[in-house]
């Protein structure tokens, strides 16, 4: 996907496992920013970076469940220690297979080693200027209490992780988060222009908020029942 200002957004999806998405944003100088890193996409991501001479500078994680983080170490080591960002509440998930759910749902328990050292915990809503882009990180409880919605102003794009899918709702693991999650969805549709493009953690991507508000039955119900 080619966007204005000479940026490309490349999707890596594992169609054999939950349609997990990772997204690589590349500028004209071939600097890269990665959003999420499922192990099933690691080989493709690393191959693309190497073959296209892309320097990976930053990795942003949407939340701390295993299918979005368990490719982290292989990508990190292969690409000269890029800076890794994750919500503070989800930081322990990187080191605990029970918390990141790989001990429950995956055949391989995952926890990073001390080889991954360049990690920044996002403690509050923050703004980062990286590779000519303005990346805003918003901590919003949804799939986890440490979930992050990332905005790239210049691309009119948000990376929503598992907080918002284009056509459906994600699995609810913690019923206690339901009300806060619903509030987060209402916030998304209030905070960003309807023409913004949504890049979620699974399934379909590249759909506008306006389109989602019309096609996603759960979102339609949430927006109808405004608080």
Protein backbone atom coordinates (compact mmCIF):
# COMPACT_ATOMS: atom_id res chain seq x y z
CA UNK A 1 0.00 0.00 0.00
CA UNK A 2 1.50 3.30 -1.08
CA UNK A 3 0.53 6.46 0.75
CA UNK A 4 1.27 10.13 0.29
CA UNK A 5 4.56 11.67 1.37
CA UNK A 6 6.49 8.70 -0.04
CA UNK A 7 5.61 6.18 2.67
CA UNK A 8 4.78 2.54 2.06
CA UNK A 9 2.78 0.34 4.40
CA UNK A 10 3.44 -3.38 3.97
CA UNK A 11 1.14 -5.99 5.52
CA UNK A 12 2.42 -9.38 6.69
CA UNK A 13 -0.46 -11.73 7.48
CA UNK A 14 -0.54 -15.35 8.61
CA UNK A 15 -3.65 -16.76 6.97
CA UNK A 16 -2.99 -20.13 8.59
CA UNK A 17 -3.36 -18.69 12.09
CA UNK A 18 -6.10 -16.23 12.99
CA UNK A 19 -5.17 -13.91 10.09
CA UNK A 20 -2.69 -12.16 12.40
CA UNK A 21 -1.43 -8.87 10.97
CA UNK A 22 1.89 -7.11 11.25
CA UNK A 23 2.47 -3.80 9.48
CA UNK A 24 5.75 -2.28 8.29
CA UNK A 25 5.83 1.46 7.56
CA UNK A 26 8.74 2.50 5.35
CA UNK A 27 9.91 5.98 4.37
CA UNK A 28 11.72 6.98 1.17
CA UNK A 29 15.07 6.67 2.96
CA UNK A 30 14.23 3.02 3.71
CA UNK A 31 13.77 3.42 7.44
CA UNK A 32 11.17 1.07 8.87
CA UNK A 33 8.71 1.03 11.76
CA UNK A 34 7.00 -2.25 12.63
CA UNK A 35 3.64 -2.68 14.33
CA UNK A 36 3.33 -6.10 16.01
CA UNK A 37 5.32 -9.23 15.25
CA UNK A 38 3.71 -12.68 15.17
CA UNK A 39 6.19 -15.56 14.86
CA UNK A 40 4.48 -16.87 11.72
CA UNK A 41 5.45 -13.67 9.90
CA UNK A 42 9.01 -13.34 11.19
CA UNK A 43 10.68 -15.03 8.23
CA UNK A 44 8.77 -12.88 5.75
CA UNK A 45 9.46 -9.68 7.66
CA UNK A 46 13.17 -10.32 8.06
CA UNK A 47 13.49 -11.39 4.42
CA UNK A 48 11.73 -8.25 3.23
CA UNK A 49 13.90 -6.00 5.39
CA UNK A 50 17.10 -7.63 4.16
CA UNK A 51 16.22 -7.84 0.47
CA UNK A 52 15.01 -4.23 0.36
CA UNK A 53 17.76 -2.78 2.55
CA UNK A 54 15.27 -1.43 5.06
CA UNK A 55 16.65 -0.37 8.43
CA UNK A 56 14.17 -1.23 11.18
CA UNK A 57 14.39 1.49 13.83
CA UNK A 58 11.29 0.94 16.00
CA UNK A 59 8.76 -1.73 16.93
CA UNK A 60 5.40 -0.73 18.41
CA UNK A 61 3.35 -3.44 20.13
CA UNK A 62 -0.42 -3.01 20.37
CA UNK A 63 -0.83 -5.28 23.40
CA UNK A 64 0.86 -8.16 25.15
CA UNK A 65 -0.85 -11.30 23.86
CA UNK A 66 1.43 -13.91 22.37
CA UNK A 67 0.27 -13.75 18.74
CA UNK A 68 1.41 -10.13 18.52
CA UNK A 69 4.71 -10.37 20.38
CA UNK A 70 6.25 -13.81 20.00
CA UNK A 71 8.24 -12.93 16.90
CA UNK A 72 9.85 -10.03 18.73
CA UNK A 73 13.15 -11.60 19.74
CA UNK A 74 14.04 -12.97 16.30
CA UNK A 75 13.26 -9.68 14.62
CA UNK A 76 15.04 -7.67 17.30
CA UNK A 77 18.28 -9.67 17.14
CA UNK A 78 18.32 -9.79 13.34
CA UNK A 79 17.86 -6.03 13.02
CA UNK A 80 20.37 -4.47 15.40
CA UNK A 81 18.26 -3.77 18.48
CA UNK A 82 15.42 -1.52 17.32
CA UNK A 83 13.60 0.37 20.05
CA UNK A 84 10.53 -1.56 21.29
CA UNK A 85 7.45 0.15 22.73
CA UNK A 86 4.65 -1.51 24.71
CA UNK A 87 2.00 -0.33 27.16
CA UNK A 88 3.30 -0.38 30.74
CA UNK A 89 0.51 -2.65 32.00
CA UNK A 90 1.35 -5.21 29.31
CA UNK A 91 5.13 -5.07 29.77
CA UNK A 92 5.14 -8.12 32.13
CA UNK A 93 3.48 -10.16 29.36
CA UNK A 94 6.76 -10.15 27.46
CA UNK A 95 8.35 -12.22 30.21
CA UNK A 96 5.47 -14.45 31.32
CA UNK A 97 3.89 -17.20 29.18
CA UNK A 98 0.80 -17.29 31.38
CA UNK A 99 0.17 -13.57 31.06
CA UNK A 100 0.72 -13.49 27.30
CA UNK A 101 -1.44 -16.64 26.98
CA UNK A 102 1.07 -18.70 24.99
CA UNK A 103 1.07 -21.23 27.84
CA UNK A 104 -2.67 -21.66 27.31
CA UNK A 105 -3.26 -21.38 23.57
CA UNK A 106 0.06 -22.05 21.84
CA UNK A 107 2.15 -25.21 21.53
CA UNK A 108 5.25 -23.19 22.43
CA UNK A 109 5.50 -21.14 25.62
CA UNK A 110 6.88 -17.71 24.85
CA UNK A 111 8.89 -15.27 26.94
CA UNK A 112 11.64 -12.96 25.74
CA UNK A 113 15.19 -13.25 27.04
CA UNK A 114 17.49 -10.51 28.27
CA UNK A 115 18.82 -10.23 24.70
CA UNK A 116 15.88 -7.89 24.08
CA UNK A 117 16.94 -4.93 26.17
CA UNK A 118 15.91 -1.79 24.29
CA UNK A 119 12.32 -1.71 25.58
CA UNK A 120 10.31 1.39 26.46
CA UNK A 121 7.17 1.09 28.58
CA UNK A 122 4.48 3.58 27.57
CA UNK A 123 3.18 5.03 30.83
CA UNK A 124 0.82 7.68 29.46
CA UNK A 125 -0.51 8.98 26.16
CA UNK A 126 2.59 9.99 24.23
CA UNK A 127 3.82 11.52 20.98
CA UNK A 128 6.87 10.30 19.06
CA UNK A 129 8.58 11.94 16.08
CA UNK A 130 10.12 9.11 14.08
CA UNK A 131 11.31 8.99 10.47
CA UNK A 132 9.40 12.15 9.64
CA UNK A 133 6.17 10.80 11.09
CA UNK A 134 4.12 11.86 14.10
CA UNK A 135 3.13 8.72 15.99
CA UNK A 136 0.70 9.17 18.85
CA UNK A 137 0.21 6.41 21.41
CA UNK A 138 -3.06 6.31 23.32
CA UNK A 139 -3.43 3.92 26.25
CA UNK A 140 -6.97 2.58 26.09
CA UNK A 141 -8.28 -0.47 27.92
CA UNK A 142 -9.76 -3.00 25.50
CA UNK A 143 -8.33 -6.45 24.91
CA UNK A 144 -5.97 -5.77 27.85
CA UNK A 145 -5.49 -2.89 30.29
CA UNK A 146 -2.23 -2.01 28.54
CA UNK A 147 -3.62 -1.92 25.01
CA UNK A 148 -2.45 0.94 22.79
CA UNK A 149 -4.09 2.64 19.84
CA UNK A 150 -1.43 4.21 17.61
CA UNK A 151 -2.13 7.10 15.27
CA UNK A 152 0.06 8.24 12.38
CA UNK A 153 -1.17 11.73 11.56
CA UNK A 154 0.55 12.07 8.22
CA UNK A 155 -0.97 8.84 6.89
CA UNK A 156 -4.40 9.42 8.47
CA UNK A 157 -4.15 5.93 9.90
CA UNK A 158 -4.68 4.15 13.22
CA UNK A 159 -3.28 0.82 14.35
CA UNK A 160 -5.91 -0.59 16.67
CA UNK A 161 -4.49 -4.00 17.62
CA UNK A 162 -7.37 -6.11 18.92
CA UNK A 163 -9.38 -3.14 20.19
CA UNK A 164 -11.19 -2.69 16.89
CA UNK A 165 -11.63 -5.07 13.96
CA UNK A 166 -13.14 -4.03 10.66
CA UNK A 167 -16.05 -6.47 10.46
CA UNK A 168 -16.38 -8.23 13.81
CA UNK A 169 -15.55 -8.14 17.49
CA UNK A 170 -12.54 -9.90 18.91
CA UNK A 171 -12.71 -12.53 21.64
CA UNK A 172 -13.36 -11.24 25.15
CA UNK A 173 -11.01 -12.96 27.60
CA UNK A 174 -11.81 -10.77 30.60
CA UNK A 175 -15.47 -9.85 31.03
CA UNK A 176 -14.47 -7.18 33.57
CA UNK A 177 -12.97 -5.15 30.73
CA UNK A 178 -16.15 -5.10 28.63
CA UNK A 179 -17.50 -1.71 29.72
CA UNK A 180 -14.10 -0.01 29.41
CA UNK A 181 -13.65 -1.65 26.02
CA UNK A 182 -16.99 -0.33 24.82
CA UNK A 183 -15.95 3.13 26.01
CA UNK A 184 -12.71 2.78 24.03
CA UNK A 185 -14.64 1.99 20.86
CA UNK A 186 -16.85 5.04 21.36
CA UNK A 187 -13.71 7.11 21.94
CA UNK A 188 -12.11 5.87 18.70
CA UNK A 189 -15.06 7.00 16.62
CA UNK A 190 -15.17 10.36 18.38
CA UNK A 191 -11.43 11.05 18.44
CA UNK A 192 -10.52 10.39 14.82
CA UNK A 193 -11.95 11.58 11.48
CA UNK A 194 -14.20 9.06 9.75
CA UNK A 195 -11.83 8.97 6.75
CA UNK A 196 -9.03 7.52 8.89
CA UNK A 197 -7.83 4.08 7.81
CA UNK A 198 -7.87 1.24 10.34
CA UNK A 199 -5.06 -1.32 10.61
CA UNK A 200 -6.15 -3.98 13.15
CA UNK A 201 -4.35 -6.93 14.71
CA UNK A 202 -6.33 -9.53 12.76
CA UNK A 203 -8.31 -10.03 9.57
CA UNK A 204 -9.33 -7.33 7.11
CA UNK A 205 -7.43 -4.03 7.12
CA UNK A 206 -7.27 -0.75 5.22
CA UNK A 207 -10.92 0.12 5.85
CA UNK A 208 -12.06 3.57 6.95
CA UNK A 209 -13.80 4.28 10.24
CA UNK A 210 -16.84 5.40 8.28
CA UNK A 211 -17.01 2.04 6.50
CA UNK A 212 -16.58 0.16 9.77
CA UNK A 213 -19.37 2.13 11.42
CA UNK A 214 -21.69 0.84 8.71
CA UNK A 215 -20.50 -2.77 8.35
CA UNK A 216 -19.43 -3.94 11.80
CA UNK A 217 -22.60 -5.01 13.68
CA UNK A 218 -21.02 -4.75 17.12
CA UNK A 219 -19.70 -1.25 16.46
CA UNK A 220 -23.10 -0.19 15.14
CA UNK A 221 -24.69 -1.38 18.38
CA UNK A 222 -22.08 0.34 20.57
CA UNK A 223 -22.40 3.65 18.75
CA UNK A 224 -26.17 3.47 18.95
CA UNK A 225 -26.03 3.02 22.71
CA UNK A 226 -24.02 6.14 23.48
CA UNK A 227 -23.23 6.98 27.09
